[in-house]
Amino acid sequence: MCGIALLNLSLFALGGEMKNTDSAKQNKIEIKDFAFNPQILTVKAGEKVTWINRDEEPHTIVSVEKQFKKSTALDTDQEFTITAGAPGTYTYFCSVHPKMTGTIVVEK
């Protein structure tokens, strides 16, 4: 009986670790209420970053320093994904609504 309880506890702990690993790789930025959320996201070089538009208005993602290719206009529920490049700070904005800004910090 004790062995079964220990096994269940081990599986629970392992399941928790797997969830954390999955969520760490899901670098999502939601566009909602004319804002990027989170406004600052930290990722590792080589990881993917995905924006998803939850607004009824179209939005774009444009790198201030052209560190990644700009998106087309995203309609509601459309996504745009990049792969983070060299370490550094990537600032971006929506060209349709330039007051909407965000930052991606890329680490080694």
N, C-alpha and C. Protein backbone atom coordinates (compact mmCIF):
# COMPACT_ATOMS: atom_id res chain seq x y z
N MET A 1 0.84 -1.20 0.00
CA MET A 1 0.00 0.00 0.00
C MET A 1 0.87 1.25 0.00
N CYS A 2 1.90 1.24 0.80
CA CYS A 2 2.79 2.39 0.88
C CYS A 2 3.49 2.60 -0.48
N GLY A 3 3.86 1.51 -1.13
CA GLY A 3 4.52 1.59 -2.44
C GLY A 3 3.61 2.22 -3.48
N ILE A 4 2.32 1.90 -3.42
CA ILE A 4 1.36 2.47 -4.38
C ILE A 4 1.22 3.97 -4.16
N ALA A 5 1.13 4.36 -2.90
CA ALA A 5 1.01 5.79 -2.59
C ALA A 5 2.25 6.53 -3.06
N LEU A 6 3.43 5.94 -2.87
CA LEU A 6 4.68 6.56 -3.30
C LEU A 6 4.71 6.67 -4.82
N LEU A 7 4.26 5.62 -5.50
CA LEU A 7 4.23 5.63 -6.96
C LEU A 7 3.29 6.73 -7.46
N ASN A 8 2.11 6.84 -6.85
CA ASN A 8 1.16 7.89 -7.24
C ASN A 8 1.75 9.27 -7.02
N LEU A 9 2.44 9.47 -5.92
CA LEU A 9 3.07 10.75 -5.62
C LEU A 9 4.15 11.06 -6.66
N SER A 10 4.94 10.04 -7.04
CA SER A 10 5.98 10.24 -8.04
C SER A 10 5.38 10.62 -9.39
N LEU A 11 4.30 9.94 -9.78
CA LEU A 11 3.65 10.25 -11.05
C LEU A 11 3.06 11.66 -11.03
N PHE A 12 2.51 12.06 -9.89
CA PHE A 12 1.95 13.40 -9.74
C PHE A 12 3.06 14.44 -9.90
N ALA A 13 4.19 14.21 -9.27
CA ALA A 13 5.32 15.14 -9.37
C ALA A 13 5.84 15.20 -10.79
N LEU A 14 5.94 14.05 -11.44
CA LEU A 14 6.43 14.00 -12.81
C LEU A 14 5.44 14.73 -13.74
N GLY A 15 4.17 14.52 -13.54
CA GLY A 15 3.15 15.19 -14.34
C GLY A 15 3.24 16.70 -14.19
N GLY A 16 3.50 17.17 -12.98
CA GLY A 16 3.66 18.60 -12.73
C GLY A 16 4.85 19.15 -13.47
N GLU A 17 5.94 18.41 -13.49
CA GLU A 17 7.14 18.87 -14.20
C GLU A 17 6.86 18.96 -15.69
N MET A 18 6.15 18.00 -16.23
CA MET A 18 5.87 18.00 -17.66
C MET A 18 4.99 19.20 -18.01
N LYS A 19 4.05 19.55 -17.16
CA LYS A 19 3.21 20.71 -17.42
C LYS A 19 4.03 21.98 -17.44
N ASN A 20 4.95 22.13 -16.49
CA ASN A 20 5.79 23.32 -16.44
C ASN A 20 6.64 23.43 -17.70
N THR A 21 7.18 22.32 -18.17
CA THR A 21 8.00 22.32 -19.38
C THR A 21 7.18 22.76 -20.57
N ASP A 22 5.95 22.24 -20.69
CA ASP A 22 5.09 22.61 -21.81
C ASP A 22 4.75 24.09 -21.79
N SER A 23 4.39 24.62 -20.63
CA SER A 23 3.98 26.02 -20.56
C SER A 23 5.17 26.94 -20.82
N ALA A 24 6.37 26.51 -20.46
CA ALA A 24 7.56 27.33 -20.71
C ALA A 24 7.81 27.47 -22.20
N LYS A 25 7.42 26.47 -22.98
CA LYS A 25 7.66 26.51 -24.41
C LYS A 25 6.53 27.20 -25.16
N GLN A 26 5.44 27.48 -24.49
CA GLN A 26 4.31 28.17 -25.13
C GLN A 26 4.44 29.66 -24.87
N ASN A 27 5.26 30.30 -25.66
CA ASN A 27 5.48 31.74 -25.52
C ASN A 27 4.43 32.47 -26.33
N LYS A 28 3.28 32.71 -25.70
CA LYS A 28 2.15 33.33 -26.38
C LYS A 28 1.96 34.76 -25.89
N ILE A 29 1.65 35.62 -26.85
CA ILE A 29 1.31 37.00 -26.54
C ILE A 29 -0.09 37.23 -27.09
N GLU A 30 -0.99 37.60 -26.20
CA GLU A 30 -2.37 37.83 -26.61
C GLU A 30 -2.57 39.31 -26.93
N ILE A 31 -3.24 39.57 -28.02
CA ILE A 31 -3.59 40.93 -28.40
C ILE A 31 -5.06 41.11 -28.05
N LYS A 32 -5.32 41.94 -27.04
CA LYS A 32 -6.69 42.13 -26.57
C LYS A 32 -6.83 43.53 -26.00
N ASP A 33 -7.96 44.15 -26.27
CA ASP A 33 -8.24 45.51 -25.78
C ASP A 33 -7.13 46.49 -26.18
N PHE A 34 -6.66 46.34 -27.42
CA PHE A 34 -5.64 47.20 -27.99
C PHE A 34 -4.36 47.22 -27.15
N ALA A 35 -3.95 46.02 -26.69
CA ALA A 35 -2.71 45.88 -25.92
C ALA A 35 -2.12 44.49 -26.15
N PHE A 36 -0.79 44.41 -26.00
CA PHE A 36 -0.08 43.13 -26.06
C PHE A 36 0.05 42.63 -24.62
N ASN A 37 -0.31 41.37 -24.38
CA ASN A 37 -0.25 40.83 -23.03
C ASN A 37 0.39 39.44 -23.06
N PRO A 38 1.54 39.24 -22.40
CA PRO A 38 2.26 40.22 -21.58
C PRO A 38 2.95 41.27 -22.46
N GLN A 39 3.17 42.43 -21.88
CA GLN A 39 3.82 43.50 -22.62
C GLN A 39 5.32 43.22 -22.78
N ILE A 40 5.90 42.53 -21.81
CA ILE A 40 7.30 42.11 -21.88
C ILE A 40 7.35 40.60 -21.70
N LEU A 41 8.02 39.92 -22.64
CA LEU A 41 8.16 38.47 -22.59
C LEU A 41 9.63 38.11 -22.71
N THR A 42 10.11 37.24 -21.83
CA THR A 42 11.50 36.78 -21.88
C THR A 42 11.53 35.35 -22.40
N VAL A 43 12.36 35.11 -23.42
CA VAL A 43 12.48 33.79 -24.03
C VAL A 43 13.95 33.47 -24.25
N LYS A 44 14.22 32.23 -24.61
CA LYS A 44 15.58 31.81 -24.97
C LYS A 44 15.72 31.87 -26.49
N ALA A 45 16.94 32.14 -26.95
CA ALA A 45 17.21 32.16 -28.39
C ALA A 45 16.78 30.81 -28.98
N GLY A 46 16.11 30.85 -30.11
CA GLY A 46 15.65 29.64 -30.77
C GLY A 46 14.23 29.23 -30.42
N GLU A 47 13.66 29.81 -29.36
CA GLU A 47 12.28 29.48 -29.00
C GLU A 47 11.31 30.25 -29.90
N LYS A 48 10.13 29.69 -30.07
CA LYS A 48 9.10 30.33 -30.87
C LYS A 48 8.27 31.27 -30.00
N VAL A 49 7.81 32.35 -30.61
CA VAL A 49 6.92 33.31 -29.96
C VAL A 49 5.71 33.48 -30.87
N THR A 50 4.52 33.34 -30.31
CA THR A 50 3.29 33.44 -31.09
C THR A 50 2.38 34.52 -30.52
N TRP A 51 1.93 35.40 -31.41
CA TRP A 51 0.92 36.40 -31.07
C TRP A 51 -0.41 35.88 -31.58
N ILE A 52 -1.48 36.13 -30.84
CA ILE A 52 -2.83 35.78 -31.30
C ILE A 52 -3.74 36.98 -31.06
N ASN A 53 -4.45 37.37 -32.11
CA ASN A 53 -5.32 38.55 -32.02
C ASN A 53 -6.69 38.16 -31.48
N ARG A 54 -7.03 38.69 -30.32
CA ARG A 54 -8.34 38.44 -29.70
C ARG A 54 -9.27 39.65 -29.83
N ASP A 55 -8.80 40.70 -30.53
CA ASP A 55 -9.63 41.88 -30.75
C ASP A 55 -10.47 41.69 -32.01
N GLU A 56 -11.48 42.53 -32.15
CA GLU A 56 -12.31 42.54 -33.36
C GLU A 56 -11.64 43.36 -34.47
N GLU A 57 -10.64 44.14 -34.11
CA GLU A 57 -9.92 44.98 -35.07
C GLU A 57 -8.66 44.27 -35.53
N PRO A 58 -8.20 44.52 -36.77
CA PRO A 58 -6.94 43.92 -37.22
C PRO A 58 -5.74 44.58 -36.53
N HIS A 59 -4.68 43.81 -36.34
CA HIS A 59 -3.45 44.30 -35.74
C HIS A 59 -2.26 43.70 -36.49
N THR A 60 -1.12 44.37 -36.40
CA THR A 60 0.12 43.86 -36.98
C THR A 60 1.19 43.80 -35.91
N ILE A 61 2.25 43.07 -36.19
CA ILE A 61 3.42 43.01 -35.31
C ILE A 61 4.61 43.41 -36.16
N VAL A 62 5.25 44.53 -35.78
CA VAL A 62 6.36 45.06 -36.55
C VAL A 62 7.53 45.32 -35.60
N SER A 63 8.69 44.75 -35.92
CA SER A 63 9.90 44.97 -35.12
C SER A 63 10.43 46.37 -35.39
N VAL A 64 10.68 47.13 -34.32
CA VAL A 64 11.20 48.49 -34.45
C VAL A 64 12.54 48.48 -35.19
N GLU A 65 13.42 47.54 -34.84
CA GLU A 65 14.75 47.48 -35.43
C GLU A 65 14.88 46.38 -36.49
N LYS A 66 13.74 45.94 -37.02
CA LYS A 66 13.70 44.92 -38.09
C LYS A 66 14.44 43.64 -37.70
N GLN A 67 14.27 43.22 -36.43
CA GLN A 67 14.92 42.00 -35.95
C GLN A 67 14.15 40.75 -36.35
N PHE A 68 12.92 40.92 -36.83
CA PHE A 68 12.15 39.82 -37.39
C PHE A 68 11.21 40.38 -38.45
N LYS A 69 10.76 39.50 -39.32
CA LYS A 69 9.86 39.88 -40.41
C LYS A 69 8.53 40.34 -39.84
N LYS A 70 7.95 41.41 -40.41
CA LYS A 70 6.67 41.91 -39.91
C LYS A 70 5.52 40.99 -40.32
N SER A 71 4.47 41.04 -39.54
CA SER A 71 3.28 40.22 -39.85
C SER A 71 2.41 40.93 -40.87
N THR A 72 1.52 40.17 -41.45
CA THR A 72 0.42 40.76 -42.20
C THR A 72 -0.61 41.20 -41.17
N ALA A 73 -1.65 41.89 -41.58
CA ALA A 73 -2.71 42.28 -40.65
C ALA A 73 -3.41 41.01 -40.14
N LEU A 74 -3.47 40.88 -38.83
CA LEU A 74 -4.11 39.71 -38.22
C LEU A 74 -5.56 40.03 -37.89
N ASP A 75 -6.46 39.24 -38.42
CA ASP A 75 -7.87 39.37 -38.05
C ASP A 75 -8.12 38.61 -36.75
N THR A 76 -9.33 38.67 -36.25
CA THR A 76 -9.68 38.02 -34.99
C THR A 76 -9.30 36.54 -35.01
N ASP A 77 -8.59 36.11 -33.96
CA ASP A 77 -8.15 34.73 -33.74
C ASP A 77 -7.04 34.26 -34.68
N GLN A 78 -6.51 35.13 -35.51
CA GLN A 78 -5.36 34.74 -36.33
C GLN A 78 -4.09 34.86 -35.51
N GLU A 79 -3.09 34.05 -35.89
CA GLU A 79 -1.82 33.99 -35.16
C GLU A 79 -0.65 34.36 -36.07
N PHE A 80 0.43 34.81 -35.43
CA PHE A 80 1.69 35.11 -36.11
C PHE A 80 2.81 34.58 -35.23
N THR A 81 3.74 33.81 -35.80
CA THR A 81 4.81 33.18 -35.02
C THR A 81 6.17 33.52 -35.61
N ILE A 82 7.12 33.80 -34.69
CA ILE A 82 8.52 33.99 -35.09
C ILE A 82 9.37 33.05 -34.26
N THR A 83 10.61 32.88 -34.67
CA THR A 83 11.60 32.17 -33.87
C THR A 83 12.59 33.22 -33.36
N ALA A 84 12.76 33.28 -32.04
CA ALA A 84 13.66 34.27 -31.45
C ALA A 84 15.07 34.04 -31.95
N GLY A 85 15.72 35.10 -32.36
CA GLY A 85 17.07 35.01 -32.90
C GLY A 85 18.13 35.26 -31.84
N ALA A 86 19.07 36.10 -32.20
CA ALA A 86 20.21 36.40 -31.32
C ALA A 86 19.73 37.07 -30.03
N PRO A 87 20.45 36.82 -28.92
CA PRO A 87 20.09 37.47 -27.66
C PRO A 87 20.04 39.00 -27.81
N GLY A 88 19.10 39.59 -27.12
CA GLY A 88 18.93 41.04 -27.16
C GLY A 88 17.51 41.42 -26.83
N THR A 89 17.21 42.70 -26.98
CA THR A 89 15.88 43.22 -26.70
C THR A 89 15.21 43.57 -28.02
N TYR A 90 14.05 42.97 -28.24
CA TYR A 90 13.30 43.17 -29.48
C TYR A 90 12.05 43.98 -29.13
N THR A 91 12.00 45.22 -29.55
CA THR A 91 10.80 46.01 -29.33
C THR A 91 9.94 45.94 -30.60
N TYR A 92 8.64 45.97 -30.42
CA TYR A 92 7.72 45.86 -31.55
C TYR A 92 6.49 46.71 -31.29
N PHE A 93 5.70 46.92 -32.36
CA PHE A 93 4.49 47.72 -32.25
C PHE A 93 3.50 47.25 -33.30
N CYS A 94 2.28 47.76 -33.21
CA CYS A 94 1.24 47.51 -34.21
C CYS A 94 1.26 48.70 -35.16
N SER A 95 1.48 48.47 -36.45
CA SER A 95 1.54 49.59 -37.40
C SER A 95 0.18 50.24 -37.63
N VAL A 96 -0.89 49.52 -37.33
CA VAL A 96 -2.24 50.07 -37.45
C VAL A 96 -2.56 50.98 -36.25
N HIS A 97 -2.02 50.60 -35.09
CA HIS A 97 -2.25 51.34 -33.83
C HIS A 97 -0.88 51.52 -33.15
N PRO A 98 -0.07 52.48 -33.60
CA PRO A 98 1.33 52.60 -33.14
C PRO A 98 1.54 52.79 -31.63
N LYS A 99 0.49 53.14 -30.90
CA LYS A 99 0.64 53.27 -29.44
C LYS A 99 0.71 51.90 -28.77
N MET A 100 0.35 50.85 -29.51
CA MET A 100 0.45 49.48 -28.99
C MET A 100 1.89 49.02 -29.16
N THR A 101 2.57 48.79 -28.04
CA THR A 101 3.97 48.37 -28.10
C THR A 101 4.22 47.19 -27.17
N GLY A 102 5.31 46.50 -27.42
CA GLY A 102 5.70 45.38 -26.57
C GLY A 102 7.19 45.12 -26.74
N THR A 103 7.70 44.23 -25.88
CA THR A 103 9.13 43.91 -25.88
C THR A 103 9.32 42.43 -25.67
N ILE A 104 10.26 41.86 -26.44
CA ILE A 104 10.69 40.49 -26.22
C ILE A 104 12.16 40.57 -25.82
N VAL A 105 12.50 39.98 -24.68
CA VAL A 105 13.89 39.90 -24.24
C VAL A 105 14.36 38.49 -24.57
N VAL A 106 15.38 38.38 -25.42
CA VAL A 106 15.89 37.09 -25.83
C VAL A 106 17.21 36.83 -25.10
N GLU A 107 17.25 35.72 -24.37
CA GLU A 107 18.45 35.33 -23.62
C GLU A 107 19.10 34.14 -24.30
N LYS A 108 20.36 33.88 -23.91
CA LYS A 108 21.08 32.72 -24.46
C LYS A 108 20.47 31.44 -24.01
